[in-house]
């Protein structure tokens, strides 16, 4: 299978998806979290807050823009690759995956991709199913 979308584009998407997945939403101070130690010491509270990070909407906006810039057939290919990587379709069912992805309107495809847990892993696995890899992509020799 030949990719319609440059491999470099997929690799950038994977990097951004990993960044988005790594973000941890800050805990609402009004909530009573079950898994946080209750210390009265302010130093302990500050130490815990280092592990938290506000969600960076810029990463999601960048990913949405990247996906929006793809042609409809490239967007369908991206969704189909994610489905193959997730196990919804097998690599041998590529034509079926592409047909279903082509039947999905572009905005719904973008939303599904951005809402997909482990998108980066699914894209990597989908690419690997067709012997593609981001290893070494973007590195100067």
N, C-alpha and C. Protein backbone atom coordinates (compact mmCIF):
# COMPACT_ATOMS: atom_id res chain seq x y z
N UNK A 1 0.83 -1.17 0.00
CA UNK A 1 0.00 0.00 0.00
C UNK A 1 0.89 1.24 0.00
N UNK A 2 0.62 2.15 -0.91
CA UNK A 2 1.35 3.41 -0.97
C UNK A 2 0.54 4.47 -0.23
N UNK A 3 1.22 5.23 0.59
CA UNK A 3 0.56 6.28 1.36
C UNK A 3 0.18 7.46 0.46
N UNK A 4 -1.02 7.98 0.66
CA UNK A 4 -1.46 9.20 -0.01
C UNK A 4 -0.90 10.43 0.69
N UNK A 5 -0.65 10.28 1.98
CA UNK A 5 -0.16 11.37 2.83
C UNK A 5 1.32 11.14 3.08
N UNK A 6 2.14 12.20 3.00
CA UNK A 6 3.58 12.01 3.29
C UNK A 6 3.80 11.43 4.68
N UNK A 7 4.74 10.52 4.79
CA UNK A 7 5.07 9.89 6.07
C UNK A 7 5.45 10.95 7.11
N UNK A 8 6.12 12.01 6.68
CA UNK A 8 6.52 13.08 7.59
C UNK A 8 5.29 13.71 8.26
N UNK A 9 4.20 13.81 7.53
CA UNK A 9 2.96 14.38 8.09
C UNK A 9 2.44 13.47 9.19
N UNK A 10 2.43 12.16 8.94
CA UNK A 10 1.99 11.23 9.97
C UNK A 10 2.89 11.31 11.20
N UNK A 11 4.17 11.43 10.98
CA UNK A 11 5.11 11.49 12.11
C UNK A 11 4.88 12.74 12.94
N UNK A 12 4.60 13.88 12.29
CA UNK A 12 4.28 15.11 13.03
C UNK A 12 2.98 14.94 13.81
N UNK A 13 1.99 14.32 13.18
CA UNK A 13 0.72 14.07 13.88
C UNK A 13 0.93 13.19 15.11
N UNK A 14 1.76 12.17 14.96
CA UNK A 14 2.03 11.25 16.07
C UNK A 14 2.71 11.99 17.22
N UNK A 15 3.69 12.84 16.90
CA UNK A 15 4.39 13.61 17.93
C UNK A 15 3.40 14.50 18.67
N UNK A 16 2.55 15.21 17.92
CA UNK A 16 1.57 16.10 18.55
C UNK A 16 0.54 15.31 19.35
N UNK A 17 0.12 14.16 18.85
CA UNK A 17 -0.84 13.33 19.58
C UNK A 17 -0.23 12.86 20.90
N UNK A 18 1.05 12.52 20.89
CA UNK A 18 1.72 12.11 22.13
C UNK A 18 1.77 13.27 23.12
N UNK A 19 2.02 14.47 22.61
CA UNK A 19 2.03 15.65 23.48
C UNK A 19 0.65 15.86 24.10
N UNK A 20 -0.39 15.70 23.29
CA UNK A 20 -1.74 15.90 23.78
C UNK A 20 -2.11 14.83 24.81
N UNK A 21 -1.71 13.59 24.56
CA UNK A 21 -2.01 12.49 25.47
C UNK A 21 -1.26 12.62 26.79
N UNK A 22 -0.10 13.28 26.77
CA UNK A 22 0.73 13.39 27.97
C UNK A 22 0.24 14.48 28.92
N UNK A 23 -0.65 15.32 28.45
CA UNK A 23 -1.14 16.41 29.29
C UNK A 23 -2.04 15.87 30.38
N UNK A 24 -1.88 16.41 31.57
CA UNK A 24 -2.68 16.01 32.72
C UNK A 24 -3.50 17.23 33.13
N UNK A 25 -4.82 17.10 33.17
CA UNK A 25 -5.61 18.25 33.59
C UNK A 25 -5.38 18.58 35.06
N UNK A 26 -5.34 19.85 35.36
CA UNK A 26 -5.16 20.28 36.74
C UNK A 26 -6.40 19.90 37.54
N UNK A 27 -6.19 19.55 38.79
CA UNK A 27 -7.30 19.15 39.66
C UNK A 27 -8.04 20.39 40.10
N UNK A 28 -9.35 20.34 40.02
CA UNK A 28 -10.20 21.44 40.48
C UNK A 28 -10.08 21.51 42.00
N UNK A 29 -9.70 22.66 42.57
CA UNK A 29 -9.52 22.75 44.02
C UNK A 29 -10.80 22.50 44.81
N UNK A 30 -11.95 22.63 44.16
CA UNK A 30 -13.22 22.38 44.85
C UNK A 30 -13.58 20.90 44.92
N UNK A 31 -12.88 20.09 44.11
CA UNK A 31 -13.15 18.65 44.12
C UNK A 31 -12.36 18.00 45.24
N UNK A 32 -12.85 16.84 45.68
CA UNK A 32 -12.16 16.06 46.70
C UNK A 32 -11.58 14.82 46.04
N UNK A 33 -10.37 14.91 45.46
CA UNK A 33 -9.80 13.77 44.77
C UNK A 33 -9.51 12.61 45.72
N UNK A 34 -9.78 11.41 45.24
CA UNK A 34 -9.59 10.21 46.06
C UNK A 34 -8.13 9.80 46.17
N UNK A 35 -7.33 10.15 45.17
CA UNK A 35 -5.99 9.59 45.09
C UNK A 35 -4.88 10.59 45.45
N UNK A 36 -5.20 11.65 46.15
CA UNK A 36 -4.18 12.62 46.54
C UNK A 36 -4.03 12.56 48.06
N UNK A 37 -2.79 12.52 48.51
CA UNK A 37 -2.54 12.52 49.95
C UNK A 37 -2.99 13.85 50.55
N UNK A 38 -3.58 13.79 51.71
CA UNK A 38 -4.05 14.99 52.39
C UNK A 38 -3.00 15.45 53.39
N UNK A 39 -2.18 16.40 52.98
CA UNK A 39 -1.18 16.99 53.85
C UNK A 39 -1.55 18.44 54.08
N UNK A 40 -1.33 18.91 55.29
CA UNK A 40 -1.59 20.31 55.59
C UNK A 40 -0.39 21.17 55.25
N UNK A 41 0.75 20.55 55.03
CA UNK A 41 1.97 21.28 54.76
C UNK A 41 1.92 21.87 53.35
N UNK A 42 2.11 23.17 53.22
CA UNK A 42 2.05 23.84 51.92
C UNK A 42 3.12 23.33 50.96
N UNK A 43 4.28 22.96 51.48
CA UNK A 43 5.36 22.45 50.62
C UNK A 43 4.93 21.17 49.91
N UNK A 44 4.18 20.33 50.62
CA UNK A 44 3.72 19.09 49.99
C UNK A 44 2.73 19.40 48.87
N UNK A 45 1.82 20.36 49.09
CA UNK A 45 0.86 20.73 48.06
C UNK A 45 1.56 21.26 46.82
N UNK A 46 2.61 22.04 47.03
CA UNK A 46 3.35 22.58 45.90
C UNK A 46 4.07 21.48 45.14
N UNK A 47 4.59 20.49 45.85
CA UNK A 47 5.28 19.40 45.18
C UNK A 47 4.32 18.62 44.29
N UNK A 48 3.10 18.43 44.77
CA UNK A 48 2.12 17.72 43.95
C UNK A 48 1.70 18.52 42.73
N UNK A 49 1.65 19.83 42.84
CA UNK A 49 1.18 20.64 41.74
C UNK A 49 2.16 20.64 40.56
N UNK A 50 3.41 20.30 40.79
CA UNK A 50 4.38 20.24 39.71
C UNK A 50 4.00 19.15 38.71
N UNK A 51 3.33 18.11 39.19
CA UNK A 51 2.95 17.01 38.32
C UNK A 51 1.75 17.35 37.45
N UNK A 52 1.07 18.42 37.78
CA UNK A 52 -0.12 18.81 37.04
C UNK A 52 0.25 19.85 36.00
N UNK A 53 -0.51 19.87 34.92
CA UNK A 53 -0.27 20.84 33.87
C UNK A 53 -1.62 21.21 33.28
N UNK A 54 -1.82 22.46 33.02
CA UNK A 54 -3.05 22.86 32.37
C UNK A 54 -3.03 22.29 30.95
N UNK A 55 -4.20 21.89 30.47
CA UNK A 55 -4.28 21.39 29.11
C UNK A 55 -3.90 22.49 28.14
N UNK A 56 -3.06 22.17 27.21
CA UNK A 56 -2.60 23.12 26.22
C UNK A 56 -3.49 23.00 24.99
N UNK A 57 -4.44 23.88 24.86
CA UNK A 57 -5.36 23.81 23.72
C UNK A 57 -4.64 24.07 22.41
N UNK A 58 -3.45 24.67 22.47
CA UNK A 58 -2.68 24.93 21.26
C UNK A 58 -2.29 23.66 20.53
N UNK A 59 -1.99 22.60 21.26
CA UNK A 59 -1.61 21.33 20.63
C UNK A 59 -2.82 20.76 19.88
N UNK A 60 -3.97 20.77 20.52
CA UNK A 60 -5.17 20.27 19.85
C UNK A 60 -5.53 21.14 18.65
N UNK A 61 -5.39 22.44 18.78
CA UNK A 61 -5.68 23.34 17.66
C UNK A 61 -4.72 23.08 16.50
N UNK A 62 -3.45 22.85 16.82
CA UNK A 62 -2.47 22.55 15.78
C UNK A 62 -2.81 21.23 15.08
N UNK A 63 -3.19 20.23 15.87
CA UNK A 63 -3.56 18.94 15.27
C UNK A 63 -4.80 19.10 14.39
N UNK A 64 -5.79 19.84 14.88
CA UNK A 64 -7.00 20.07 14.09
C UNK A 64 -6.66 20.76 12.78
N UNK A 65 -5.77 21.76 12.84
CA UNK A 65 -5.36 22.48 11.63
C UNK A 65 -4.62 21.55 10.66
N UNK A 66 -3.74 20.70 11.21
CA UNK A 66 -3.02 19.75 10.35
C UNK A 66 -3.99 18.80 9.65
N UNK A 67 -4.96 18.29 10.41
CA UNK A 67 -5.93 17.37 9.83
C UNK A 67 -6.84 18.09 8.85
N UNK A 68 -7.20 19.32 9.15
CA UNK A 68 -8.06 20.11 8.28
C UNK A 68 -7.37 20.44 6.96
N UNK A 69 -6.04 20.54 6.99
CA UNK A 69 -5.27 20.84 5.78
C UNK A 69 -5.15 19.65 4.84
N UNK A 70 -5.43 18.46 5.33
CA UNK A 70 -5.34 17.26 4.49
C UNK A 70 -6.49 17.24 3.48
N UNK A 71 -6.21 16.70 2.31
CA UNK A 71 -7.28 16.47 1.33
C UNK A 71 -8.21 15.40 1.90
N UNK A 72 -9.44 15.34 1.41
CA UNK A 72 -10.41 14.39 1.94
C UNK A 72 -9.92 12.95 1.89
N UNK A 73 -9.23 12.56 0.78
CA UNK A 73 -8.74 11.18 0.69
C UNK A 73 -7.61 10.93 1.67
N UNK A 74 -6.79 11.95 1.96
CA UNK A 74 -5.73 11.81 2.95
C UNK A 74 -6.30 11.70 4.36
N UNK A 75 -7.34 12.47 4.63
CA UNK A 75 -7.99 12.40 5.94
C UNK A 75 -8.63 11.03 6.14
N UNK A 76 -9.26 10.52 5.09
CA UNK A 76 -9.85 9.17 5.16
C UNK A 76 -8.75 8.13 5.41
N UNK A 77 -7.61 8.30 4.75
CA UNK A 77 -6.49 7.38 4.95
C UNK A 77 -6.00 7.43 6.39
N UNK A 78 -5.94 8.62 6.97
CA UNK A 78 -5.50 8.78 8.36
C UNK A 78 -6.45 8.07 9.30
N UNK A 79 -7.74 8.25 9.08
CA UNK A 79 -8.73 7.58 9.92
C UNK A 79 -8.65 6.06 9.75
N UNK A 80 -8.51 5.60 8.52
CA UNK A 80 -8.41 4.16 8.25
C UNK A 80 -7.16 3.57 8.90
N UNK A 81 -6.04 4.29 8.84
CA UNK A 81 -4.81 3.81 9.50
C UNK A 81 -5.00 3.71 11.01
N UNK A 82 -5.67 4.70 11.60
CA UNK A 82 -5.93 4.65 13.04
C UNK A 82 -6.82 3.46 13.37
N UNK A 83 -7.80 3.19 12.54
CA UNK A 83 -8.68 2.03 12.76
C UNK A 83 -7.91 0.72 12.67
N UNK A 84 -7.01 0.62 11.69
CA UNK A 84 -6.19 -0.59 11.56
C UNK A 84 -5.29 -0.72 12.79
N UNK A 85 -4.69 0.37 13.21
CA UNK A 85 -3.83 0.34 14.39
C UNK A 85 -4.57 0.00 15.66
N UNK A 86 -5.84 0.38 15.73
CA UNK A 86 -6.67 0.10 16.91
C UNK A 86 -7.23 -1.31 16.88
N UNK A 87 -7.23 -1.93 15.69
CA UNK A 87 -7.75 -3.29 15.56
C UNK A 87 -9.19 -3.35 15.08
N UNK A 88 -9.77 -2.21 14.75
CA UNK A 88 -11.13 -2.19 14.20
C UNK A 88 -11.16 -2.92 12.87
N UNK A 89 -10.10 -2.73 12.09
CA UNK A 89 -9.91 -3.44 10.83
C UNK A 89 -8.54 -4.08 10.85
N UNK A 90 -8.40 -5.16 10.12
CA UNK A 90 -7.10 -5.80 9.93
C UNK A 90 -6.46 -5.17 8.69
N UNK A 91 -5.15 -5.25 8.57
CA UNK A 91 -4.46 -4.70 7.41
C UNK A 91 -5.00 -5.32 6.11
N UNK A 92 -5.42 -6.58 6.17
CA UNK A 92 -5.97 -7.25 4.97
C UNK A 92 -7.34 -6.68 4.58
N UNK A 93 -7.95 -5.91 5.50
CA UNK A 93 -9.26 -5.29 5.23
C UNK A 93 -9.12 -3.81 4.88
N UNK A 94 -7.95 -3.44 4.36
CA UNK A 94 -7.66 -2.04 4.07
C UNK A 94 -8.71 -1.39 3.18
N UNK A 95 -9.10 -2.06 2.13
CA UNK A 95 -10.09 -1.48 1.21
C UNK A 95 -11.40 -1.18 1.94
N UNK A 96 -11.83 -2.08 2.83
CA UNK A 96 -13.05 -1.86 3.61
C UNK A 96 -12.88 -0.68 4.56
N UNK A 97 -11.72 -0.59 5.20
CA UNK A 97 -11.45 0.52 6.11
C UNK A 97 -11.48 1.85 5.36
N UNK A 98 -10.86 1.87 4.19
CA UNK A 98 -10.84 3.10 3.39
C UNK A 98 -12.25 3.46 2.90
N UNK A 99 -13.02 2.46 2.51
CA UNK A 99 -14.39 2.73 2.04
C UNK A 99 -15.22 3.35 3.16
N UNK A 100 -15.12 2.79 4.36
CA UNK A 100 -15.88 3.33 5.49
C UNK A 100 -15.38 4.72 5.87
N UNK A 101 -14.06 4.92 5.84
CA UNK A 101 -13.49 6.23 6.17
C UNK A 101 -13.90 7.27 5.13
N UNK A 102 -13.97 6.87 3.87
CA UNK A 102 -14.40 7.79 2.81
C UNK A 102 -15.87 8.17 2.96
N UNK A 103 -16.65 7.30 3.59
CA UNK A 103 -18.08 7.59 3.82
C UNK A 103 -18.30 8.49 5.03
N UNK A 104 -17.25 8.74 5.80
CA UNK A 104 -17.35 9.59 6.98
C UNK A 104 -17.05 11.02 6.56
N UNK A 105 -17.91 11.97 6.95
CA UNK A 105 -17.65 13.35 6.53
C UNK A 105 -16.39 13.86 7.22
N UNK A 106 -15.68 14.78 6.55
CA UNK A 106 -14.37 15.23 7.07
C UNK A 106 -14.40 15.76 8.50
N UNK A 107 -15.39 16.55 8.86
CA UNK A 107 -15.42 17.10 10.23
C UNK A 107 -15.59 15.99 11.26
N UNK A 108 -16.43 15.00 10.94
CA UNK A 108 -16.61 13.87 11.85
C UNK A 108 -15.33 13.05 11.96
N UNK A 109 -14.60 12.93 10.85
CA UNK A 109 -13.33 12.21 10.86
C UNK A 109 -12.32 12.90 11.77
N UNK A 110 -12.23 14.22 11.66
CA UNK A 110 -11.31 14.98 12.49
C UNK A 110 -11.69 14.83 13.96
N UNK A 111 -12.99 14.98 14.25
CA UNK A 111 -13.44 14.84 15.63
C UNK A 111 -13.14 13.45 16.18
N UNK A 112 -13.39 12.42 15.37
CA UNK A 112 -13.12 11.05 15.83
C UNK A 112 -11.64 10.85 16.13
N UNK A 113 -10.79 11.36 15.25
CA UNK A 113 -9.35 11.21 15.46
C UNK A 113 -8.90 11.94 16.72
N UNK A 114 -9.37 13.17 16.91
CA UNK A 114 -8.95 13.94 18.08
C UNK A 114 -9.50 13.39 19.38
N UNK A 115 -10.64 12.71 19.30
CA UNK A 115 -11.24 12.12 20.51
C UNK A 115 -10.77 10.69 20.77
N UNK A 116 -9.97 10.14 19.86
CA UNK A 116 -9.53 8.75 19.97
C UNK A 116 -8.44 8.59 21.03
N UNK A 117 -8.72 7.83 22.10
CA UNK A 117 -7.67 7.57 23.09
C UNK A 117 -6.51 6.82 22.42
N UNK A 118 -5.31 7.17 22.78
CA UNK A 118 -4.10 6.51 22.26
C UNK A 118 -3.95 6.68 20.75
N UNK A 119 -4.36 7.83 20.22
CA UNK A 119 -4.26 8.08 18.78
C UNK A 119 -2.84 7.85 18.27
N UNK A 120 -1.84 8.36 18.98
CA UNK A 120 -0.46 8.21 18.53
C UNK A 120 -0.09 6.73 18.36
N UNK A 121 -0.44 5.93 19.34
CA UNK A 121 -0.14 4.49 19.27
C UNK A 121 -0.89 3.82 18.13
N UNK A 122 -2.14 4.21 17.94
CA UNK A 122 -2.93 3.61 16.86
C UNK A 122 -2.37 3.97 15.49
N UNK A 123 -1.95 5.22 15.32
CA UNK A 123 -1.35 5.61 14.04
C UNK A 123 -0.03 4.88 13.81
N UNK A 124 0.78 4.78 14.87
CA UNK A 124 2.05 4.05 14.73
C UNK A 124 1.80 2.59 14.36
N UNK A 125 0.84 1.96 15.02
CA UNK A 125 0.54 0.55 14.73
C UNK A 125 -0.05 0.40 13.33
N UNK A 126 -0.88 1.36 12.92
CA UNK A 126 -1.44 1.31 11.57
C UNK A 126 -0.36 1.44 10.52
N UNK A 127 0.57 2.34 10.73
CA UNK A 127 1.69 2.48 9.80
C UNK A 127 2.54 1.21 9.79
N UNK A 128 2.81 0.67 10.98
CA UNK A 128 3.63 -0.54 11.07
C UNK A 128 2.98 -1.72 10.36
N UNK A 129 1.65 -1.76 10.34
CA UNK A 129 0.94 -2.86 9.67
C UNK A 129 1.25 -2.88 8.17
N UNK A 130 1.69 -1.73 7.66
CA UNK A 130 2.04 -1.63 6.23
C UNK A 130 3.52 -1.36 6.04
N UNK A 131 4.31 -1.70 7.07
CA UNK A 131 5.78 -1.59 7.04
C UNK A 131 6.29 -0.16 6.91
N UNK A 132 5.57 0.78 7.50
CA UNK A 132 6.04 2.16 7.58
C UNK A 132 6.41 2.45 9.03
N UNK A 133 7.38 3.35 9.20
CA UNK A 133 7.81 3.71 10.55
C UNK A 133 8.31 5.14 10.54
N UNK A 134 8.18 5.81 11.67
CA UNK A 134 8.69 7.17 11.81
C UNK A 134 10.15 7.18 12.26
N UNK A 135 10.70 6.00 12.48
CA UNK A 135 12.09 5.93 12.93
C UNK A 135 13.00 6.57 11.89
N UNK A 136 13.72 7.58 12.32
CA UNK A 136 14.66 8.26 11.45
C UNK A 136 14.05 9.35 10.58
N UNK A 137 12.74 9.49 10.59
CA UNK A 137 12.10 10.52 9.77
C UNK A 137 12.36 11.87 10.40
N UNK A 138 12.80 12.82 9.59
CA UNK A 138 13.06 14.16 10.08
C UNK A 138 14.43 14.35 10.66
N UNK A 139 15.25 13.30 10.67
CA UNK A 139 16.60 13.40 11.19
C UNK A 139 17.56 13.58 10.04
N UNK A 140 18.48 14.50 10.20
CA UNK A 140 19.50 14.72 9.16
C UNK A 140 20.63 13.74 9.36
N UNK A 141 21.05 13.12 8.28
CA UNK A 141 22.17 12.18 8.37
C UNK A 141 23.48 12.86 8.12
